[in-house]
Amino acid sequence: MSDKVFPSSKPAANATTTNATTNNPPTAATNKSHLYNPTSRPPYRPQPHTRRHRSRSGRNICCCCCFWTILTILLLLLLASIAGAALYILYRPHRPTFTITSLRIHRLNLTTSPDSSSSHLSTLFNLTVISKNPNSHISLDYELFTVSALSDGNDVFLGNGTLPAFSLSKKNQTSFRNVVISGSNDLDVDAVNSLRSDLKKKKSEIGSVMLKIEMDTKVKMKVGGLKTKKVGIRVTCDGIKGSIPKGKIPTVAVTANSKCKADLRIKIWRWTF
């Protein structure tokens, strides 16, 4: 009796694995070749530059804003100038006038110590001031005046005083008499030398000095029912020639050739009308 031979399962397994290996190639090698294959990369496609268009549009908006802002400012300045010209033509403003009709020098003494180390000046003036408002549509309200006397040309301070506050209606004037200016102060070497050149003359001449009067205050203007803010004003009167008094008799200064000018001073602009 012959024995039956059955095939073993191991060769079948080997055959199966062999077929599997031959039918399914290794994926790792395929992926690796795909990664390093330059022909398998996607083609380069340039993208549109959207950011540049956005920046250009932003610049255009900024340029438009700057243009309209400058144009608006220019239009406002033009309107303001037109309004100012219209007001000037309508009201015809004129600057106020001041006149010093008389000035008496009661005392003008310059004393120096024996060693010439210090000098002292003592002064006393009495003057009359007239103020006029030539405007037919503008009223003026003045505050307290500070009146100062100086030597004309050298601006050496001689004394000060005050002038009371007052108001001037349209086409009106007012006068102040016996306005007292006095001073008693020590002078430095430069101030003494400049004064001595005027006070010491030849024996045949009377010592004289050129004087200047400055008046500082604030004024408010009224145009109809409108009122302006208070602005500073300085009145300068120069060309006054005075002589040194002898004893207790005052001397009368020559004011016929004096000229007074009023300047309105605002923060930025210097206004003279």
C-alpha atoms as a PDB file:
ATOM      1  CA  MET A   1       0.000   0.000   0.000  1.00  0.00           C
ATOM      2  CA  SER A   2       1.520   3.190  -1.062  1.00  0.00           C
ATOM      3  CA  ASP A   3       1.525   6.260   1.107  1.00  0.00           C
ATOM      4  CA  LYS A   4      -0.109   9.565  -0.076  1.00  0.00           C
ATOM      5  CA  VAL A   5       2.088  12.538  -0.093  1.00  0.00           C
ATOM      6  CA  PHE A   6       0.423  15.879   0.801  1.00  0.00           C
ATOM      7  CA  PRO A   7       2.100  19.139  -0.150  1.00  0.00           C
ATOM      8  CA  SER A   8       3.400  21.203   2.692  1.00  0.00           C
ATOM      9  CA  SER A   9       1.840  24.616   3.524  1.00  0.00           C
ATOM     10  CA  LYS A  10       5.168  26.372   3.860  1.00  0.00           C
ATOM     11  CA  PRO A  11       5.983  26.518   0.157  1.00  0.00           C
ATOM     12  CA  ALA A  12       2.565  28.000  -0.463  1.00  0.00           C
ATOM     13  CA  ALA A  13       3.239  30.665   2.034  1.00  0.00           C
ATOM     14  CA  ASN A  14       6.538  31.400   0.428  1.00  0.00           C
ATOM     15  CA  ALA A  15       4.881  31.575  -2.969  1.00  0.00           C
ATOM     16  CA  THR A  16       2.237  33.900  -1.655  1.00  0.00           C
ATOM     17  CA  THR A  17       4.763  36.253  -0.211  1.00  0.00           C
ATOM     18  CA  THR A  18       6.781  36.073  -3.383  1.00  0.00           C
ATOM     19  CA  ASN A  19       3.784  36.960  -5.509  1.00  0.00           C
ATOM     20  CA  ALA A  20       2.872  39.768  -3.145  1.00  0.00           C
ATOM     21  CA  THR A  21       6.315  41.212  -3.350  1.00  0.00           C
ATOM     22  CA  THR A  22       6.368  41.017  -7.102  1.00  0.00           C
ATOM     23  CA  ASN A  23       2.873  42.413  -7.586  1.00  0.00           C
ATOM     24  CA  ASN A  24       3.126  45.290  -5.023  1.00  0.00           C
ATOM     25  CA  PRO A  25       6.353  47.246  -5.360  1.00  0.00           C
ATOM     26  CA  PRO A  26       7.604  49.036  -2.238  1.00  0.00           C
ATOM     27  CA  THR A  27       5.851  52.344  -1.644  1.00  0.00           C
ATOM     28  CA  ALA A  28       8.764  53.934   0.257  1.00  0.00           C
ATOM     29  CA  ALA A  29      11.022  53.776  -2.752  1.00  0.00           C
ATOM     30  CA  THR A  30       8.261  55.175  -4.990  1.00  0.00           C
ATOM     31  CA  ASN A  31       7.543  58.100  -2.636  1.00  0.00           C
ATOM     32  CA  LYS A  32      11.210  58.856  -2.304  1.00  0.00           C
ATOM     33  CA  SER A  33      11.659  58.975  -6.046  1.00  0.00           C
ATOM     34  CA  HIS A  34       8.593  61.225  -6.316  1.00  0.00           C
ATOM     35  CA  LEU A  35       9.937  63.708  -3.787  1.00  0.00           C
ATOM     36  CA  TYR A  36      13.277  64.119  -5.477  1.00  0.00           C
ATOM     37  CA  ASN A  37      11.996  64.110  -9.046  1.00  0.00           C
ATOM     38  CA  PRO A  38      12.286  67.672 -10.398  1.00  0.00           C
ATOM     39  CA  THR A  39       9.894  67.012 -13.242  1.00  0.00           C
ATOM     40  CA  SER A  40       7.101  66.185 -10.816  1.00  0.00           C
ATOM     41  CA  ARG A  41       7.013  69.752  -9.262  1.00  0.00           C
ATOM     42  CA  PRO A  42       4.007  71.942 -10.138  1.00  0.00           C
ATOM     43  CA  PRO A  43       4.746  74.746 -12.616  1.00  0.00           C
ATOM     44  CA  TYR A  44       5.365  78.291 -11.206  1.00  0.00           C
ATOM     45  CA  ARG A  45       2.459  80.631 -11.690  1.00  0.00           C
ATOM     46  CA  PRO A  46       3.100  84.311 -10.729  1.00  0.00           C
ATOM     47  CA  GLN A  47       0.439  85.844  -8.506  1.00  0.00           C
ATOM     48  CA  PRO A  48      -0.979  89.339  -9.093  1.00  0.00           C
ATOM     49  CA  HIS A  49       0.582  92.066  -6.940  1.00  0.00           C
ATOM     50  CA  THR A  50      -2.462  93.127  -4.960  1.00  0.00           C
ATOM     51  CA  ARG A  51      -0.501  94.883  -2.223  1.00  0.00           C
ATOM     52  CA  ARG A  52       1.002  97.415  -4.605  1.00  0.00           C
ATOM     53  CA  HIS A  53      -2.434  98.412  -5.838  1.00  0.00           C
ATOM     54  CA  ARG A  54      -3.576  98.898  -2.269  1.00  0.00           C
ATOM     55  CA  SER A  55      -0.616 101.135  -1.406  1.00  0.00           C
ATOM     56  CA  ARG A  56      -1.213 103.238  -4.503  1.00  0.00           C
ATOM     57  CA  SER A  57      -4.867 103.684  -3.631  1.00  0.00           C
ATOM     58  CA  GLY A  58      -3.905 104.727  -0.078  1.00  0.00           C
ATOM     59  CA  ARG A  59      -1.477 107.315  -1.438  1.00  0.00           C
ATOM     60  CA  ASN A  60      -4.132 108.698  -3.714  1.00  0.00           C
ATOM     61  CA  ILE A  61      -6.519 109.094  -0.785  1.00  0.00           C
ATOM     62  CA  CYS A  62      -3.838 110.929   1.260  1.00  0.00           C
ATOM     63  CA  CYS A  63      -3.049 113.251  -1.645  1.00  0.00           C
ATOM     64  CA  CYS A  64      -6.730 114.055  -2.106  1.00  0.00           C
ATOM     65  CA  CYS A  65      -7.145 114.800   1.611  1.00  0.00           C
ATOM     66  CA  CYS A  66      -4.115 117.119   1.627  1.00  0.00           C
ATOM     67  CA  PHE A  67      -5.321 118.903  -1.493  1.00  0.00           C
ATOM     68  CA  TRP A  68      -8.794 119.574  -0.116  1.00  0.00           C
ATOM     69  CA  THR A  69      -7.411 120.640   3.267  1.00  0.00           C
ATOM     70  CA  ILE A  70      -5.075 123.192   1.693  1.00  0.00           C
ATOM     71  CA  LEU A  71      -7.828 124.405  -0.593  1.00  0.00           C
ATOM     72  CA  THR A  72     -10.188 124.856   2.375  1.00  0.00           C
ATOM     73  CA  ILE A  73      -7.583 126.848   4.313  1.00  0.00           C
ATOM     74  CA  LEU A  74      -6.934 129.095   1.328  1.00  0.00           C
ATOM     75  CA  LEU A  75     -10.650 129.702   0.883  1.00  0.00           C
ATOM     76  CA  LEU A  76     -11.029 130.612   4.569  1.00  0.00           C
ATOM     77  CA  LEU A  77      -8.123 133.042   4.344  1.00  0.00           C
ATOM     78  CA  LEU A  78      -9.636 134.577   1.234  1.00  0.00           C
ATOM     79  CA  LEU A  79     -13.004 134.999   2.947  1.00  0.00           C
ATOM     80  CA  ALA A  80     -11.355 136.526   6.020  1.00  0.00           C
ATOM     81  CA  SER A  81      -9.433 139.021   3.910  1.00  0.00           C
ATOM     82  CA  ILE A  82     -12.596 139.942   2.000  1.00  0.00           C
ATOM     83  CA  ALA A  83     -14.489 140.432   5.263  1.00  0.00           C
ATOM     84  CA  GLY A  84     -11.678 142.584   6.691  1.00  0.00           C
ATOM     85  CA  ALA A  85     -11.580 144.723   3.547  1.00  0.00           C
ATOM     86  CA  ALA A  86     -15.357 145.152   3.674  1.00  0.00           C
ATOM     87  CA  LEU A  87     -15.224 146.236   7.334  1.00  0.00           C
ATOM     88  CA  TYR A  88     -12.394 148.641   6.588  1.00  0.00           C
ATOM     89  CA  ILE A  89     -14.297 150.235   3.716  1.00  0.00           C
ATOM     90  CA  LEU A  90     -17.517 150.367   5.736  1.00  0.00           C
ATOM     91  CA  TYR A  91     -16.184 151.818   9.014  1.00  0.00           C
ATOM     92  CA  ARG A  92     -12.984 153.571   7.874  1.00  0.00           C
ATOM     93  CA  PRO A  93     -11.045 153.074  11.141  1.00  0.00           C
ATOM     94  CA  HIS A  94      -8.415 155.600  12.177  1.00  0.00           C
ATOM     95  CA  ARG A  95      -5.869 155.358  14.943  1.00  0.00           C
ATOM     96  CA  PRO A  96      -6.524 157.513  18.034  1.00  0.00           C
ATOM     97  CA  THR A  97      -4.493 160.671  18.412  1.00  0.00           C
ATOM     98  CA  PHE A  98      -2.672 161.984  21.487  1.00  0.00           C
ATOM     99  CA  THR A  99      -1.086 165.385  21.968  1.00  0.00           C
ATOM    100  CA  ILE A 100       1.067 166.817  24.743  1.00  0.00           C
ATOM    101  CA  THR A 101       0.156 170.470  24.813  1.00  0.00           C
ATOM    102  CA  SER A 102       2.408 171.494  27.707  1.00  0.00           C
ATOM    103  CA  LEU A 103       5.182 170.053  29.866  1.00  0.00           C
ATOM    104  CA  ARG A 104       6.776 171.754  32.852  1.00  0.00           C
ATOM    105  CA  ILE A 105      10.021 170.594  34.413  1.00  0.00           C
ATOM    106  CA  HIS A 106      10.033 171.268  38.132  1.00  0.00           C
ATOM    107  CA  ARG A 107      13.102 169.213  38.997  1.00  0.00           C
ATOM    108  CA  LEU A 108      15.896 167.558  37.063  1.00  0.00           C
ATOM    109  CA  ASN A 109      18.830 167.087  39.407  1.00  0.00           C
ATOM    110  CA  LEU A 110      21.746 164.755  38.811  1.00  0.00           C
ATOM    111  CA  THR A 111      24.058 164.362  41.794  1.00  0.00           C
ATOM    112  CA  THR A 112      27.232 162.322  42.026  1.00  0.00           C
ATOM    113  CA  SER A 113      29.116 161.173  45.098  1.00  0.00           C
ATOM    114  CA  PRO A 114      32.583 162.696  45.742  1.00  0.00           C
ATOM    115  CA  ASP A 115      34.334 159.494  44.760  1.00  0.00           C
ATOM    116  CA  SER A 116      32.119 159.160  41.613  1.00  0.00           C
ATOM    117  CA  SER A 117      31.093 155.684  42.684  1.00  0.00           C
ATOM    118  CA  SER A 118      27.336 156.381  42.530  1.00  0.00           C
ATOM    119  CA  SER A 119      24.990 158.874  40.882  1.00  0.00           C
ATOM    120  CA  HIS A 120      21.429 159.791  41.786  1.00  0.00           C
ATOM    121  CA  LEU A 121      18.735 161.355  39.595  1.00  0.00           C
ATOM    122  CA  SER A 122      15.697 163.184  40.963  1.00  0.00           C
ATOM    123  CA  THR A 123      12.988 164.409  38.566  1.00  0.00           C
ATOM    124  CA  LEU A 124       9.544 166.000  38.655  1.00  0.00           C
ATOM    125  CA  PHE A 125       7.429 166.780  35.554  1.00  0.00           C
ATOM    126  CA  ASN A 126       3.924 168.128  35.044  1.00  0.00           C
ATOM    127  CA  LEU A 127       2.198 167.726  31.689  1.00  0.00           C
ATOM    128  CA  THR A 128      -1.125 168.108  29.902  1.00  0.00           C
ATOM    129  CA  VAL A 129      -2.404 165.395  27.532  1.00  0.00           C
ATOM    130  CA  ILE A 130      -5.254 165.559  25.015  1.00  0.00           C
ATOM    131  CA  SER A 131      -6.724 162.369  23.522  1.00  0.00           C
ATOM    132  CA  LYS A 132      -8.995 162.343  20.467  1.00  0.00           C
ATOM    133  CA  ASN A 133     -11.132 159.671  18.815  1.00  0.00           C
ATOM    134  CA  PRO A 134     -11.444 160.537  15.109  1.00  0.00           C
ATOM    135  CA  ASN A 135     -13.657 157.522  14.275  1.00  0.00           C
ATOM    136  CA  SER A 136     -17.307 158.050  13.485  1.00  0.00           C
ATOM    137  CA  HIS A 137     -18.373 154.403  14.086  1.00  0.00           C
ATOM    138  CA  ILE A 138     -15.946 153.174  16.762  1.00  0.00           C
ATOM    139  CA  SER A 139     -15.884 153.914  20.493  1.00  0.00           C
ATOM    140  CA  LEU A 140     -12.781 153.400  22.661  1.00  0.00           C
ATOM    141  CA  ASP A 141     -12.495 152.265  26.289  1.00  0.00           C
ATOM    142  CA  TYR A 142      -9.055 152.792  27.853  1.00  0.00           C
ATOM    143  CA  GLU A 143      -7.732 151.225  31.028  1.00  0.00           C
ATOM    144  CA  LEU A 144      -5.292 152.876  33.449  1.00  0.00           C
ATOM    145  CA  PHE A 145      -2.265 154.382  31.670  1.00  0.00           C
ATOM    146  CA  THR A 146       1.335 153.996  32.817  1.00  0.00           C
ATOM    147  CA  VAL A 147       3.212 157.164  31.814  1.00  0.00           C
ATOM    148  CA  SER A 148       7.021 157.123  31.600  1.00  0.00           C
ATOM    149  CA  ALA A 149       9.523 159.887  30.857  1.00  0.00           C
ATOM    150  CA  LEU A 150      12.805 159.019  29.119  1.00  0.00           C
ATOM    151  CA  SER A 151      15.650 160.854  27.499  1.00  0.00           C
ATOM    152  CA  ASP A 152      15.103 160.885  23.761  1.00  0.00           C
ATOM    153  CA  GLY A 153      17.819 158.972  21.914  1.00  0.00           C
ATOM    154  CA  ASN A 154      19.464 157.333  24.951  1.00  0.00           C
ATOM    155  CA  ASP A 155      16.260 156.044  26.595  1.00  0.00           C
ATOM    156  CA  VAL A 156      17.461 156.798  30.110  1.00  0.00           C
ATOM    157  CA  PHE A 157      14.566 156.341  32.520  1.00  0.00           C
ATOM    158  CA  LEU A 158      13.670 159.634  34.212  1.00  0.00           C
ATOM    159  CA  GLY A 159      10.418 158.912  36.040  1.00  0.00           C
ATOM    160  CA  ASN A 160       6.885 157.547  35.767  1.00  0.00           C
ATOM    161  CA  GLY A 161       3.292 158.338  36.615  1.00  0.00           C
ATOM    162  CA  THR A 162      -0.277 157.264  35.866  1.00  0.00           C
ATOM    163  CA  LEU A 163      -3.232 158.436  33.834  1.00  0.00           C
ATOM    164  CA  PRO A 164      -6.768 157.404  34.877  1.00  0.00           C
ATOM    165  CA  ALA A 165      -8.952 155.126  32.775  1.00  0.00           C
ATOM    166  CA  PHE A 166     -11.466 156.801  30.471  1.00  0.00           C
ATOM    167  CA  SER A 167     -13.788 156.223  27.519  1.00  0.00           C
ATOM    168  CA  LEU A 168     -14.110 158.109  24.275  1.00  0.00           C
ATOM    169  CA  SER A 169     -17.284 158.004  22.237  1.00  0.00           C
ATOM    170  CA  LYS A 170     -17.438 158.647  18.515  1.00  0.00           C
ATOM    171  CA  LYS A 171     -15.799 161.864  17.338  1.00  0.00           C
ATOM    172  CA  ASN A 172     -14.973 162.938  20.872  1.00  0.00           C
ATOM    173  CA  GLN A 173     -11.936 164.129  22.827  1.00  0.00           C
ATOM    174  CA  THR A 174     -10.808 164.580  26.423  1.00  0.00           C
ATOM    175  CA  SER A 175      -7.901 166.312  28.168  1.00  0.00           C
ATOM    176  CA  PHE A 176      -5.941 165.632  31.363  1.00  0.00           C
ATOM    177  CA  ARG A 177      -4.137 168.381  33.187  1.00  0.00           C
ATOM    178  CA  ASN A 178      -1.499 168.223  35.897  1.00  0.00           C
ATOM    179  CA  VAL A 179      -0.347 164.694  35.080  1.00  0.00           C
ATOM    180  CA  VAL A 180       2.572 164.211  37.466  1.00  0.00           C
ATOM    181  CA  ILE A 181       5.676 162.216  36.525  1.00  0.00           C
ATOM    182  CA  SER A 182       8.363 161.822  39.175  1.00  0.00           C
ATOM    183  CA  GLY A 183      11.435 159.701  39.739  1.00  0.00           C
ATOM    184  CA  SER A 184      14.213 159.138  42.227  1.00  0.00           C
ATOM    185  CA  ASN A 185      16.648 156.443  41.209  1.00  0.00           C
ATOM    186  CA  ASP A 186      20.315 155.568  40.975  1.00  0.00           C
ATOM    187  CA  LEU A 187      21.996 155.510  37.582  1.00  0.00           C
ATOM    188  CA  ASP A 188      24.817 153.413  36.222  1.00  0.00           C
ATOM    189  CA  VAL A 189      27.908 154.803  34.552  1.00  0.00           C
ATOM    190  CA  ASP A 190      26.582 154.593  30.983  1.00  0.00           C
ATOM    191  CA  ALA A 191      23.321 156.392  31.851  1.00  0.00           C
ATOM    192  CA  VAL A 192      25.218 159.132  33.711  1.00  0.00           C
ATOM    193  CA  ASN A 193      27.578 159.722  30.800  1.00  0.00           C
ATOM    194  CA  SER A 194      24.727 159.969  28.288  1.00  0.00           C
ATOM    195  CA  LEU A 195      22.849 162.461  30.467  1.00  0.00           C
ATOM    196  CA  ARG A 196      25.882 164.600  31.216  1.00  0.00           C
ATOM    197  CA  SER A 197      26.497 165.086  27.514  1.00  0.00           C
ATOM    198  CA  ASP A 198      23.107 166.841  27.326  1.00  0.00           C
ATOM    199  CA  LEU A 199      22.996 168.537  30.695  1.00  0.00           C
ATOM    200  CA  LYS A 200      26.468 170.086  30.606  1.00  0.00           C
ATOM    201  CA  LYS A 201      26.681 172.744  27.918  1.00  0.00           C
ATOM    202  CA  LYS A 202      28.693 175.902  27.414  1.00  0.00           C
ATOM    203  CA  LYS A 203      28.386 178.596  30.031  1.00  0.00           C
ATOM    204  CA  SER A 204      26.515 180.866  27.630  1.00  0.00           C
ATOM    205  CA  GLU A 205      23.902 178.211  26.965  1.00  0.00           C
ATOM    206  CA  ILE A 206      21.299 176.696  29.196  1.00  0.00           C
ATOM    207  CA  GLY A 207      21.603 172.959  29.658  1.00  0.00           C
ATOM    208  CA  SER A 208      18.835 171.187  27.765  1.00  0.00           C
ATOM    209  CA  VAL A 209      17.660 167.637  27.326  1.00  0.00           C
ATOM    210  CA  MET A 210      15.481 165.959  24.694  1.00  0.00           C
ATOM    211  CA  LEU A 211      12.581 164.118  26.296  1.00  0.00           C
ATOM    212  CA  LYS A 212      10.302 161.283  25.235  1.00  0.00           C
ATOM    213  CA  ILE A 213       6.995 160.340  26.866  1.00  0.00           C
ATOM    214  CA  GLU A 214       5.604 156.789  26.626  1.00  0.00           C
ATOM    215  CA  MET A 215       2.081 155.813  27.682  1.00  0.00           C
ATOM    216  CA  ASP A 216       1.101 152.144  27.925  1.00  0.00           C
ATOM    217  CA  THR A 217      -2.404 150.750  28.476  1.00  0.00           C
ATOM    218  CA  LYS A 218      -5.059 148.423  27.073  1.00  0.00           C
ATOM    219  CA  VAL A 219      -8.020 149.466  24.959  1.00  0.00           C
ATOM    220  CA  LYS A 220     -11.316 147.863  24.005  1.00  0.00           C
ATOM    221  CA  MET A 221     -13.122 148.930  20.846  1.00  0.00           C
ATOM    222  CA  LYS A 222     -16.886 149.000  20.292  1.00  0.00           C
ATOM    223  CA  VAL A 223     -18.418 148.821  16.838  1.00  0.00           C
ATOM    224  CA  GLY A 224     -22.187 149.024  17.116  1.00  0.00           C
ATOM    225  CA  GLY A 225     -23.185 146.170  19.410  1.00  0.00           C
ATOM    226  CA  LEU A 226     -19.874 144.326  18.990  1.00  0.00           C
ATOM    227  CA  LYS A 227     -16.942 144.582  21.407  1.00  0.00           C
ATOM    228  CA  THR A 228     -13.393 143.517  20.755  1.00  0.00           C
ATOM    229  CA  LYS A 229     -11.018 142.004  23.282  1.00  0.00           C
ATOM    230  CA  LYS A 230      -8.605 144.235  25.158  1.00  0.00           C
ATOM    231  CA  VAL A 231      -5.419 144.828  23.219  1.00  0.00           C
ATOM    232  CA  GLY A 232      -2.244 146.592  24.277  1.00  0.00           C
ATOM    233  CA  ILE A 233      -1.525 150.093  23.043  1.00  0.00           C
ATOM    234  CA  ARG A 234       1.604 152.218  23.366  1.00  0.00           C
ATOM    235  CA  VAL A 235       1.625 155.957  22.722  1.00  0.00           C
ATOM    236  CA  THR A 236       5.062 157.429  22.060  1.00  0.00           C
ATOM    237  CA  CYS A 237       5.595 161.193  22.045  1.00  0.00           C
ATOM    238  CA  ASP A 238       9.102 162.344  21.124  1.00  0.00           C
ATOM    239  CA  GLY A 239      10.750 165.560  20.016  1.00  0.00           C
ATOM    240  CA  ILE A 240      10.139 167.407  23.313  1.00  0.00           C
ATOM    241  CA  LYS A 241      12.944 169.804  24.235  1.00  0.00           C
ATOM    242  CA  GLY A 242      13.268 170.786  27.872  1.00  0.00           C
ATOM    243  CA  SER A 243      15.698 172.906  29.848  1.00  0.00           C
ATOM    244  CA  ILE A 244      17.080 172.449  33.350  1.00  0.00           C
ATOM    245  CA  PRO A 245      15.227 174.601  35.927  1.00  0.00           C
ATOM    246  CA  LYS A 246      17.119 176.998  38.151  1.00  0.00           C
ATOM    247  CA  GLY A 247      16.008 177.071  41.727  1.00  0.00           C
ATOM    248  CA  LYS A 248      12.332 176.476  42.420  1.00  0.00           C
ATOM    249  CA  ILE A 249      11.004 178.063  39.235  1.00  0.00           C
ATOM    250  CA  PRO A 250       9.896 175.397  36.733  1.00  0.00           C
ATOM    251  CA  THR A 251      10.824 175.618  33.087  1.00  0.00           C
ATOM    252  CA  VAL A 252       8.443 175.082  30.198  1.00  0.00           C
ATOM    253  CA  ALA A 253       9.486 172.547  27.599  1.00  0.00           C
ATOM    254  CA  VAL A 254       8.997 173.110  23.902  1.00  0.00           C
ATOM    255  CA  THR A 255       6.279 170.721  22.669  1.00  0.00           C
ATOM    256  CA  ALA A 256       5.392 172.370  19.345  1.00  0.00           C
ATOM    257  CA  ASN A 257       7.595 169.953  17.394  1.00  0.00           C
ATOM    258  CA  SER A 258       6.597 166.838  19.340  1.00  0.00           C
ATOM    259  CA  LYS A 259       4.866 163.969  17.563  1.00  0.00           C
ATOM    260  CA  CYS A 260       2.747 161.258  19.180  1.00  0.00           C
ATOM    261  CA  LYS A 261       2.055 157.886  17.614  1.00  0.00           C
ATOM    262  CA  ALA A 262      -0.304 155.187  18.889  1.00  0.00           C
ATOM    263  CA  ASP A 263       0.489 151.541  18.118  1.00  0.00           C
ATOM    264  CA  LEU A 264      -1.921 148.718  18.851  1.00  0.00           C
ATOM    265  CA  ARG A 265      -0.102 145.520  19.717  1.00  0.00           C
ATOM    266  CA  ILE A 266      -1.686 142.085  19.373  1.00  0.00           C
ATOM    267  CA  LYS A 267      -0.031 138.762  20.303  1.00  0.00           C
ATOM    268  CA  ILE A 268       1.231 137.922  16.825  1.00  0.00           C
ATOM    269  CA  TRP A 269       0.420 140.841  14.559  1.00  0.00           C
ATOM    270  CA  ARG A 270       1.389 144.423  15.092  1.00  0.00           C
ATOM    271  CA  TRP A 271      -1.638 146.408  14.143  1.00  0.00           C
ATOM    272  CA  THR A 272      -1.660 150.134  13.374  1.00  0.00           C
ATOM    273  CA  PHE A 273      -4.881 151.736  12.250  1.00  0.00           C
END
